[in-house]
PDB file of N, CA and C in Angstrom:
ATOM      1  N   MET A   1      24.554  -5.996  -7.128  1.00  0.00           N
ATOM      2  CA  MET A   1      23.839  -4.528  -7.868  1.00  0.00           C
ATOM      3  C   MET A   1      22.962  -3.586  -7.096  1.00  0.00           C
ATOM      4  N   VAL A   2      23.948  -2.480  -6.643  1.00  0.00           N
ATOM      5  CA  VAL A   2      23.503  -1.321  -5.869  1.00  0.00           C
ATOM      6  C   VAL A   2      22.373  -0.738  -6.388  1.00  0.00           C
ATOM      7  N   ARG A   3      21.725  -0.822  -5.346  1.00  0.00           N
ATOM      8  CA  ARG A   3      19.546  -0.439  -5.476  1.00  0.00           C
ATOM      9  C   ARG A   3      20.042   1.611  -4.989  1.00  0.00           C
ATOM     10  N   GLN A   4      19.486   2.019  -6.117  1.00  0.00           N
ATOM     11  CA  GLN A   4      19.540   3.715  -6.441  1.00  0.00           C
ATOM     12  C   GLN A   4      18.849   4.136  -5.008  1.00  0.00           C
ATOM     13  N   PRO A   5      19.047   5.228  -4.680  1.00  0.00           N
ATOM     14  CA  PRO A   5      18.629   5.693  -3.370  1.00  0.00           C
ATOM     15  C   PRO A   5      16.730   6.356  -3.618  1.00  0.00           C
ATOM     16  N   LEU A   6      15.408   5.699  -3.446  1.00  0.00           N
ATOM     17  CA  LEU A   6      15.047   6.162  -3.419  1.00  0.00           C
ATOM     18  C   LEU A   6      14.473   8.216  -3.582  1.00  0.00           C
ATOM     19  N   THR A   7      13.844   8.272  -5.110  1.00  0.00           N
ATOM     20  CA  THR A   7      13.623  10.232  -4.539  1.00  0.00           C
ATOM     21  C   THR A   7      13.270  10.801  -4.237  1.00  0.00           C
ATOM     22  N   PRO A   8      12.563  11.613  -3.724  1.00  0.00           N
ATOM     23  CA  PRO A   8      11.336  12.356  -3.263  1.00  0.00           C
ATOM     24  C   PRO A   8      10.410  12.460  -3.899  1.00  0.00           C
ATOM     25  N   ALA A   9       9.949  11.960  -4.742  1.00  0.00           N
ATOM     26  CA  ALA A   9       9.483  11.811  -5.495  1.00  0.00           C
ATOM     27  C   ALA A   9       8.535  10.014  -5.174  1.00  0.00           C
ATOM     28  N   GLN A  10       9.448   9.768  -5.306  1.00  0.00           N
ATOM     29  CA  GLN A  10       8.858   8.402  -5.652  1.00  0.00           C
ATOM     30  C   GLN A  10       8.763   7.956  -3.289  1.00  0.00           C
ATOM     31  N   ILE A  11       9.611   8.571  -2.321  1.00  0.00           N
ATOM     32  CA  ILE A  11       8.354   7.704  -0.975  1.00  0.00           C
ATOM     33  C   ILE A  11       7.236   9.381  -0.925  1.00  0.00           C
ATOM     34  N   ALA A  12       7.296  10.504  -1.221  1.00  0.00           N
ATOM     35  CA  ALA A  12       6.094  10.860  -1.627  1.00  0.00           C
ATOM     36  C   ALA A  12       5.009  10.028  -2.331  1.00  0.00           C
ATOM     37  N   ALA A  13       5.450   8.765  -2.912  1.00  0.00           N
ATOM     38  CA  ALA A  13       3.926   8.118  -3.593  1.00  0.00           C
ATOM     39  C   ALA A  13       3.969   6.775  -2.933  1.00  0.00           C
ATOM     40  N   GLY A  14       4.830   6.332  -2.030  1.00  0.00           N
ATOM     41  CA  GLY A  14       4.848   5.645  -1.485  1.00  0.00           C
ATOM     42  C   GLY A  14       4.388   5.916   0.115  1.00  0.00           C
ATOM     43  N   GLN A  15       4.306   6.610   0.647  1.00  0.00           N
ATOM     44  CA  GLN A  15       3.278   7.964   1.923  1.00  0.00           C
ATOM     45  C   GLN A  15       2.488   7.644   1.212  1.00  0.00           C
ATOM     46  N   ARG A  16       1.675   8.212  -0.070  1.00  0.00           N
ATOM     47  CA  ARG A  16      -0.170   8.054  -0.073  1.00  0.00           C
ATOM     48  C   ARG A  16      -0.425   6.672  -0.281  1.00  0.00           C
ATOM     49  N   LEU A  17       0.326   6.103  -1.101  1.00  0.00           N
ATOM     50  CA  LEU A  17      -0.200   4.520  -1.155  1.00  0.00           C
ATOM     51  C   LEU A  17      -0.284   3.954   0.097  1.00  0.00           C
ATOM     52  N   GLY A  18       0.451   4.707   1.653  1.00  0.00           N
ATOM     53  CA  GLY A  18       0.322   3.879   2.491  1.00  0.00           C
ATOM     54  C   GLY A  18      -0.953   4.641   3.463  1.00  0.00           C
ATOM     55  N   ALA A  19      -0.728   5.434   3.006  1.00  0.00           N
ATOM     56  CA  ALA A  19      -1.996   6.560   3.422  1.00  0.00           C
ATOM     57  C   ALA A  19      -3.925   5.515   3.143  1.00  0.00           C
ATOM     58  N   ALA A  20      -3.095   5.806   1.372  1.00  0.00           N
ATOM     59  CA  ALA A  20      -4.768   4.614   1.112  1.00  0.00           C
ATOM     60  C   ALA A  20      -5.374   3.050   1.209  1.00  0.00           C
ATOM     61  N   LEU A  21      -3.707   2.824   1.590  1.00  0.00           N
ATOM     62  CA  LEU A  21      -4.442   1.586   2.033  1.00  0.00           C
ATOM     63  C   LEU A  21      -4.885   1.380   3.275  1.00  0.00           C
ATOM     64  N   ARG A  22      -4.985   1.813   3.994  1.00  0.00           N
ATOM     65  CA  ARG A  22      -5.703   2.691   5.933  1.00  0.00           C
ATOM     66  C   ARG A  22      -6.739   2.652   5.421  1.00  0.00           C
ATOM     67  N   VAL A  23      -6.920   3.512   4.126  1.00  0.00           N
ATOM     68  CA  VAL A  23      -8.120   3.526   4.779  1.00  0.00           C
ATOM     69  C   VAL A  23      -8.609   3.224   4.037  1.00  0.00           C
ATOM     70  N   ALA A  24      -8.807   2.730   2.517  1.00  0.00           N
ATOM     71  CA  ALA A  24      -9.121   1.156   2.354  1.00  0.00           C
ATOM     72  C   ALA A  24      -8.924  -0.539   2.843  1.00  0.00           C
ATOM     73  N   ARG A  25      -8.494  -0.521   4.605  1.00  0.00           N
ATOM     74  CA  ARG A  25      -7.936  -1.578   5.722  1.00  0.00           C
ATOM     75  C   ARG A  25      -9.436  -0.856   6.103  1.00  0.00           C
ATOM     76  N   GLY A  26     -10.124   0.083   6.792  1.00  0.00           N
ATOM     77  CA  GLY A  26     -11.347   0.380   7.465  1.00  0.00           C
ATOM     78  C   GLY A  26     -10.886  -0.129   8.716  1.00  0.00           C
ATOM     79  N   GLY A  27     -12.066  -0.499   9.548  1.00  0.00           N
ATOM     80  CA  GLY A  27     -12.312  -1.647  10.183  1.00  0.00           C
ATOM     81  C   GLY A  27     -11.526  -2.127  10.933  1.00  0.00           C
ATOM     82  N   ARG A  28     -11.031  -3.236   9.438  1.00  0.00           N
ATOM     83  CA  ARG A  28     -10.703  -4.062   9.568  1.00  0.00           C
ATOM     84  C   ARG A  28      -8.893  -4.317  10.265  1.00  0.00           C
ATOM     85  N   SER A  29      -8.947  -5.472  11.243  1.00  0.00           N
ATOM     86  CA  SER A  29      -7.059  -5.277  11.975  1.00  0.00           C
ATOM     87  C   SER A  29      -6.538  -5.910  10.767  1.00  0.00           C
ATOM     88  N   LEU A  30      -5.354  -5.572  11.071  1.00  0.00           N
ATOM     89  CA  LEU A  30      -3.770  -5.043  10.539  1.00  0.00           C
ATOM     90  C   LEU A  30      -3.272  -6.289  10.373  1.00  0.00           C
ATOM     91  N   VAL A  31      -3.986  -7.485  11.553  1.00  0.00           N
ATOM     92  CA  VAL A  31      -3.847  -8.506  10.690  1.00  0.00           C
ATOM     93  C   VAL A  31      -4.153  -9.592   9.948  1.00  0.00           C
ATOM     94  N   GLU A  32      -5.322  -9.117  10.112  1.00  0.00           N
ATOM     95  CA  GLU A  32      -6.096  -9.226   9.633  1.00  0.00           C
ATOM     96  C   GLU A  32      -5.993  -9.412   7.540  1.00  0.00           C
ATOM     97  N   VAL A  33      -6.076  -8.419   7.648  1.00  0.00           N
ATOM     98  CA  VAL A  33      -5.019  -7.614   6.004  1.00  0.00           C
ATOM     99  C   VAL A  33      -3.876  -8.376   5.292  1.00  0.00           C
ATOM    100  N   ALA A  34      -3.151  -8.417   6.522  1.00  0.00           N
ATOM    101  CA  ALA A  34      -1.941  -8.631   5.509  1.00  0.00           C
ATOM    102  C   ALA A  34      -1.462  -9.868   5.626  1.00  0.00           C
ATOM    103  N   LEU A  35      -2.535 -10.515   6.209  1.00  0.00           N
ATOM    104  CA  LEU A  35      -2.369 -12.874   6.653  1.00  0.00           C
ATOM    105  C   LEU A  35      -3.233 -12.936   4.828  1.00  0.00           C
ATOM    106  N   ALA A  36      -4.743 -12.064   4.944  1.00  0.00           N
ATOM    107  CA  ALA A  36      -5.373 -11.518   3.539  1.00  0.00           C
ATOM    108  C   ALA A  36      -4.084 -11.980   2.391  1.00  0.00           C
ATOM    109  N   ALA A  37      -3.173 -11.582   2.396  1.00  0.00           N
ATOM    110  CA  ALA A  37      -2.217 -10.582   1.778  1.00  0.00           C
ATOM    111  C   ALA A  37      -1.063 -11.490   1.231  1.00  0.00           C
ATOM    112  N   GLY A  38      -1.375 -11.510   2.646  1.00  0.00           N
ATOM    113  CA  GLY A  38       0.267 -13.163   2.410  1.00  0.00           C
ATOM    114  C   GLY A  38       1.315 -12.437   3.430  1.00  0.00           C
ATOM    115  N   ILE A  39       1.064 -11.048   3.648  1.00  0.00           N
ATOM    116  CA  ILE A  39       2.308 -10.931   4.176  1.00  0.00           C
ATOM    117  C   ILE A  39       2.642 -10.650   5.141  1.00  0.00           C
ATOM    118  N   SER A  40       3.801 -10.228   6.094  1.00  0.00           N
ATOM    119  CA  SER A  40       3.047  -9.545   7.261  1.00  0.00           C
ATOM    120  C   SER A  40       3.086  -8.359   7.497  1.00  0.00           C
ATOM    121  N   PRO A  41       2.181  -8.818   8.942  1.00  0.00           N
ATOM    122  CA  PRO A  41       1.277  -7.533   9.963  1.00  0.00           C
ATOM    123  C   PRO A  41       3.253  -6.528   9.727  1.00  0.00           C
ATOM    124  N   GLU A  42       4.090  -6.746  10.652  1.00  0.00           N
ATOM    125  CA  GLU A  42       4.769  -5.888  10.021  1.00  0.00           C
ATOM    126  C   GLU A  42       5.473  -4.849   8.702  1.00  0.00           C
ATOM    127  N   THR A  43       4.997  -5.824   7.652  1.00  0.00           N
ATOM    128  CA  THR A  43       5.525  -5.029   6.193  1.00  0.00           C
ATOM    129  C   THR A  43       4.516  -3.580   6.344  1.00  0.00           C
ATOM    130  N   LEU A  44       2.694  -5.252   6.478  1.00  0.00           N
ATOM    131  CA  LEU A  44       1.938  -3.803   6.009  1.00  0.00           C
ATOM    132  C   LEU A  44       2.470  -2.386   6.917  1.00  0.00           C
ATOM    133  N   ARG A  45       2.584  -2.560   8.479  1.00  0.00           N
ATOM    134  CA  ARG A  45       2.861  -1.549   8.676  1.00  0.00           C
ATOM    135  C   ARG A  45       3.510  -0.488   8.437  1.00  0.00           C
ATOM    136  N   LYS A  46       4.461  -1.412   8.450  1.00  0.00           N
ATOM    137  CA  LYS A  46       5.572  -0.669   7.695  1.00  0.00           C
ATOM    138  C   LYS A  46       5.178   0.257   6.467  1.00  0.00           C
ATOM    139  N   ILE A  47       4.262  -0.318   4.867  1.00  0.00           N
ATOM    140  CA  ILE A  47       4.537  -0.091   4.099  1.00  0.00           C
ATOM    141  C   ILE A  47       3.149   1.255   4.935  1.00  0.00           C
ATOM    142  N   GLU A  48       2.323   1.602   5.537  1.00  0.00           N
ATOM    143  CA  GLU A  48       1.314   1.858   5.887  1.00  0.00           C
ATOM    144  C   GLU A  48       1.303   3.145   6.779  1.00  0.00           C
ATOM    145  N   ALA A  49       2.849   3.019   7.811  1.00  0.00           N
ATOM    146  CA  ALA A  49       3.898   4.522   7.700  1.00  0.00           C
ATOM    147  C   ALA A  49       3.941   5.122   7.111  1.00  0.00           C
ATOM    148  N   GLY A  50       4.871   4.351   5.608  1.00  0.00           N
ATOM    149  CA  GLY A  50       5.707   4.697   4.852  1.00  0.00           C
ATOM    150  C   GLY A  50       7.012   4.850   4.223  1.00  0.00           C
ATOM    151  N   ARG A  51       7.192   3.800   5.571  1.00  0.00           N
ATOM    152  CA  ARG A  51       8.608   3.339   5.683  1.00  0.00           C
ATOM    153  C   ARG A  51       8.884   2.269   4.775  1.00  0.00           C
ATOM    154  N   LEU A  52       8.431   2.020   3.928  1.00  0.00           N
ATOM    155  CA  LEU A  52       8.159   0.781   3.194  1.00  0.00           C
ATOM    156  C   LEU A  52       7.610   1.842   1.791  1.00  0.00           C
ATOM    157  N   PRO A  53       8.655   2.640   1.259  1.00  0.00           N
ATOM    158  CA  PRO A  53       7.891   3.778   0.075  1.00  0.00           C
ATOM    159  C   PRO A  53       7.643   2.866  -1.231  1.00  0.00           C
ATOM    160  N   ALA A  54       7.547   1.996  -1.550  1.00  0.00           N
ATOM    161  CA  ALA A  54       8.271   1.134  -2.865  1.00  0.00           C
ATOM    162  C   ALA A  54       8.118  -0.853  -2.474  1.00  0.00           C
ATOM    163  N   PRO A  55       7.199  -1.006  -2.036  1.00  0.00           N
ATOM    164  CA  PRO A  55       6.866  -1.539  -1.989  1.00  0.00           C
ATOM    165  C   PRO A  55       6.866  -3.344  -3.057  1.00  0.00           C
ATOM    166  N   ALA A  56       6.843  -4.529  -3.229  1.00  0.00           N
ATOM    167  CA  ALA A  56       7.422  -5.808  -4.250  1.00  0.00           C
ATOM    168  C   ALA A  56       5.749  -5.050  -5.071  1.00  0.00           C
ATOM    169  N   PHE A  57       5.649  -5.654  -5.972  1.00  0.00           N
ATOM    170  CA  PHE A  57       4.780  -4.953  -7.634  1.00  0.00           C
ATOM    171  C   PHE A  57       3.559  -6.562  -6.906  1.00  0.00           C
ATOM    172  N   GLY A  58       4.492  -7.821  -6.346  1.00  0.00           N
ATOM    173  CA  GLY A  58       2.869  -8.905  -6.188  1.00  0.00           C
ATOM    174  C   GLY A  58       2.220  -8.481  -3.656  1.00  0.00           C
ATOM    175  N   THR A  59       3.773  -7.757  -3.497  1.00  0.00           N
ATOM    176  CA  THR A  59       2.726  -6.995  -1.624  1.00  0.00           C
ATOM    177  C   THR A  59       1.281  -6.412  -2.417  1.00  0.00           C
ATOM    178  N   VAL A  60       2.139  -5.438  -3.324  1.00  0.00           N
ATOM    179  CA  VAL A  60       1.015  -4.555  -3.683  1.00  0.00           C
ATOM    180  C   VAL A  60      -0.399  -5.455  -4.031  1.00  0.00           C
ATOM    181  N   VAL A  61      -0.070  -6.168  -5.135  1.00  0.00           N
ATOM    182  CA  VAL A  61      -1.591  -6.964  -5.751  1.00  0.00           C
ATOM    183  C   VAL A  61      -1.705  -8.014  -4.989  1.00  0.00           C
ATOM    184  N   GLY A  62      -1.165  -8.395  -3.794  1.00  0.00           N
ATOM    185  CA  GLY A  62      -2.142 -10.092  -2.452  1.00  0.00           C
ATOM    186  C   GLY A  62      -2.599  -8.087  -1.869  1.00  0.00           C
ATOM    187  N   LEU A  63      -2.579  -6.940  -1.787  1.00  0.00           N
ATOM    188  CA  LEU A  63      -3.411  -7.167  -0.800  1.00  0.00           C
ATOM    189  C   LEU A  63      -4.302  -5.313  -1.694  1.00  0.00           C
ATOM    190  N   SER A  64      -3.592  -5.635  -2.531  1.00  0.00           N
ATOM    191  CA  SER A  64      -5.085  -4.738  -3.257  1.00  0.00           C
ATOM    192  C   SER A  64      -6.606  -5.911  -3.363  1.00  0.00           C
ATOM    193  N   GLN A  65      -5.437  -7.153  -3.918  1.00  0.00           N
ATOM    194  CA  GLN A  65      -7.519  -8.652  -3.326  1.00  0.00           C
ATOM    195  C   GLN A  65      -7.463  -8.489  -2.118  1.00  0.00           C
ATOM    196  N   ALA A  66      -6.412  -8.693  -1.050  1.00  0.00           N
ATOM    197  CA  ALA A  66      -7.022  -8.959   0.599  1.00  0.00           C
ATOM    198  C   ALA A  66      -8.526  -7.919   0.951  1.00  0.00           C
ATOM    199  N   LEU A  67      -8.319  -6.431   0.015  1.00  0.00           N
ATOM    200  CA  LEU A  67      -8.260  -4.840   0.112  1.00  0.00           C
ATOM    201  C   LEU A  67      -9.685  -5.257  -0.519  1.00  0.00           C
ATOM    202  N   ALA A  68      -9.849  -5.827  -1.651  1.00  0.00           N
ATOM    203  CA  ALA A  68     -10.717  -5.788  -2.814  1.00  0.00           C
ATOM    204  C   ALA A  68     -11.145  -3.595  -3.630  1.00  0.00           C
ATOM    205  N   VAL A  69      -9.667  -3.270  -3.736  1.00  0.00           N
ATOM    206  CA  VAL A  69      -9.090  -2.211  -4.667  1.00  0.00           C
ATOM    207  C   VAL A  69      -8.647  -2.753  -5.640  1.00  0.00           C
ATOM    208  N   PRO A  70      -9.042  -2.307  -6.810  1.00  0.00           N
ATOM    209  CA  PRO A  70      -8.623  -2.860  -8.272  1.00  0.00           C
ATOM    210  C   PRO A  70      -6.815  -1.797  -7.963  1.00  0.00           C
ATOM    211  N   LEU A  71      -6.675  -2.261  -8.529  1.00  0.00           N
ATOM    212  CA  LEU A  71      -4.430  -3.069  -8.941  1.00  0.00           C
ATOM    213  C   LEU A  71      -4.790  -1.732  -9.568  1.00  0.00           C
ATOM    214  N   GLY A  72      -6.149  -0.503 -10.410  1.00  0.00           N
ATOM    215  CA  GLY A  72      -5.564   0.020 -11.381  1.00  0.00           C
ATOM    216  C   GLY A  72      -5.864   1.521  -9.798  1.00  0.00           C
ATOM    217  N   ASP A  73      -6.066   1.222  -8.970  1.00  0.00           N
ATOM    218  CA  ASP A  73      -6.963   2.681  -7.595  1.00  0.00           C
ATOM    219  C   ASP A  73      -5.467   2.263  -7.424  1.00  0.00           C
ATOM    220  N   LEU A  74      -4.028   1.716  -7.184  1.00  0.00           N
ATOM    221  CA  LEU A  74      -3.461   1.657  -6.219  1.00  0.00           C
ATOM    222  C   LEU A  74      -3.073   2.237  -6.956  1.00  0.00           C
ATOM    223  N   ALA A  75      -2.662   2.161  -8.075  1.00  0.00           N
ATOM    224  CA  ALA A  75      -1.613   2.741  -9.570  1.00  0.00           C
ATOM    225  C   ALA A  75      -2.362   4.307  -9.291  1.00  0.00           C
ATOM    226  N   GLU A  76      -3.215   4.306  -9.673  1.00  0.00           N
ATOM    227  CA  GLU A  76      -3.315   5.668 -10.067  1.00  0.00           C
ATOM    228  C   GLU A  76      -3.057   6.632  -8.700  1.00  0.00           C
ATOM    229  N   VAL A  77      -2.773   6.655  -7.472  1.00  0.00           N
ATOM    230  CA  VAL A  77      -2.570   6.907  -5.958  1.00  0.00           C
ATOM    231  C   VAL A  77      -1.029   7.292  -6.029  1.00  0.00           C
ATOM    232  N   TRP A  78      -0.567   6.322  -6.545  1.00  0.00           N
ATOM    233  CA  TRP A  78       1.416   6.339  -6.418  1.00  0.00           C
ATOM    234  C   TRP A  78       1.225   7.243  -7.544  1.00  0.00           C
ATOM    235  N   LEU A  79       0.610   7.552  -8.734  1.00  0.00           N
ATOM    236  CA  LEU A  79       0.466   8.648  -9.830  1.00  0.00           C
ATOM    237  C   LEU A  79       0.582   9.658  -9.785  1.00  0.00           C
ATOM    238  N   THR A  80      -0.142  10.161  -9.056  1.00  0.00           N
ATOM    239  CA  THR A  80      -1.344  11.096  -8.619  1.00  0.00           C
ATOM    240  C   THR A  80      -0.707  12.267  -6.863  1.00  0.00           C
ATOM    241  N   ASP A  81      -1.338  12.595  -6.937  1.00  0.00           N
ATOM    242  CA  ASP A  81      -1.041  13.391  -5.017  1.00  0.00           C
ATOM    243  C   ASP A  81      -2.742  12.862  -4.619  1.00  0.00           C
ATOM    244  N   ALA A  82      -3.496  12.031  -5.304  1.00  0.00           N
ATOM    245  CA  ALA A  82      -4.977  12.199  -5.709  1.00  0.00           C
ATOM    246  C   ALA A  82      -4.180  10.494  -4.207  1.00  0.00           C
ATOM    247  N   VAL A  83      -6.369  10.839  -3.755  1.00  0.00           N
ATOM    248  CA  VAL A  83      -6.207   9.277  -3.096  1.00  0.00           C
ATOM    249  C   VAL A  83      -7.614   9.302  -3.021  1.00  0.00           C
ATOM    250  N   PRO A  84      -8.037   7.958  -3.866  1.00  0.00           N
ATOM    251  CA  PRO A  84      -9.769   7.864  -4.197  1.00  0.00           C
ATOM    252  C   PRO A  84      -9.500   6.146  -3.385  1.00  0.00           C
ATOM    253  N   VAL A  85      -9.395   5.863  -3.240  1.00  0.00           N
ATOM    254  CA  VAL A  85      -9.191   3.958  -2.401  1.00  0.00           C
ATOM    255  C   VAL A  85     -10.547   4.322  -0.842  1.00  0.00           C
ATOM    256  N   ARG A  86     -11.037   4.173  -1.892  1.00  0.00           N
ATOM    257  CA  ARG A  86     -12.512   3.702  -0.735  1.00  0.00           C
ATOM    258  C   ARG A  86     -12.548   2.774   0.449  1.00  0.00           C
ATOM    259  N   GLN A  87     -13.179   2.767   1.249  1.00  0.00           N
ATOM    260  CA  GLN A  87     -13.219   1.651   3.114  1.00  0.00           C
ATOM    261  C   GLN A  87     -13.223   0.035   1.870  1.00  0.00           C
ATOM    262  N   ALA A  88     -13.370  -0.831   2.683  1.00  0.00           N
ATOM    263  CA  ALA A  88     -12.864  -1.684   1.893  1.00  0.00           C
ATOM    264  C   ALA A  88     -14.480  -1.746   2.764  1.00  0.00           C
ATOM    265  N   SER A  89     -15.156  -3.208   2.462  1.00  0.00           N
ATOM    266  CA  SER A  89     -16.726  -2.709   2.706  1.00  0.00           C
ATOM    267  C   SER A  89     -17.071  -5.001   2.719  1.00  0.00           C
TER     268      SER A  89
END
């Protein structure tokens, strides 16, 4: 199976998601959040930088839990131009 290239809209959605995750991470270290989410720090770094614009669903779920951000909020970021995610407390 050949994976189709991402569209510009999908790339932009991934960049929004990465920005929202950076905001939600706040002062917590990238390593701390990555390990809590069950992913490598390098994976989280790539997601936040927009270099991994379409992370696996399980990865997004893990980040949602690690950052205490409702999964619906992250989906909203993906679907719209808004970045409504707040900083983790």
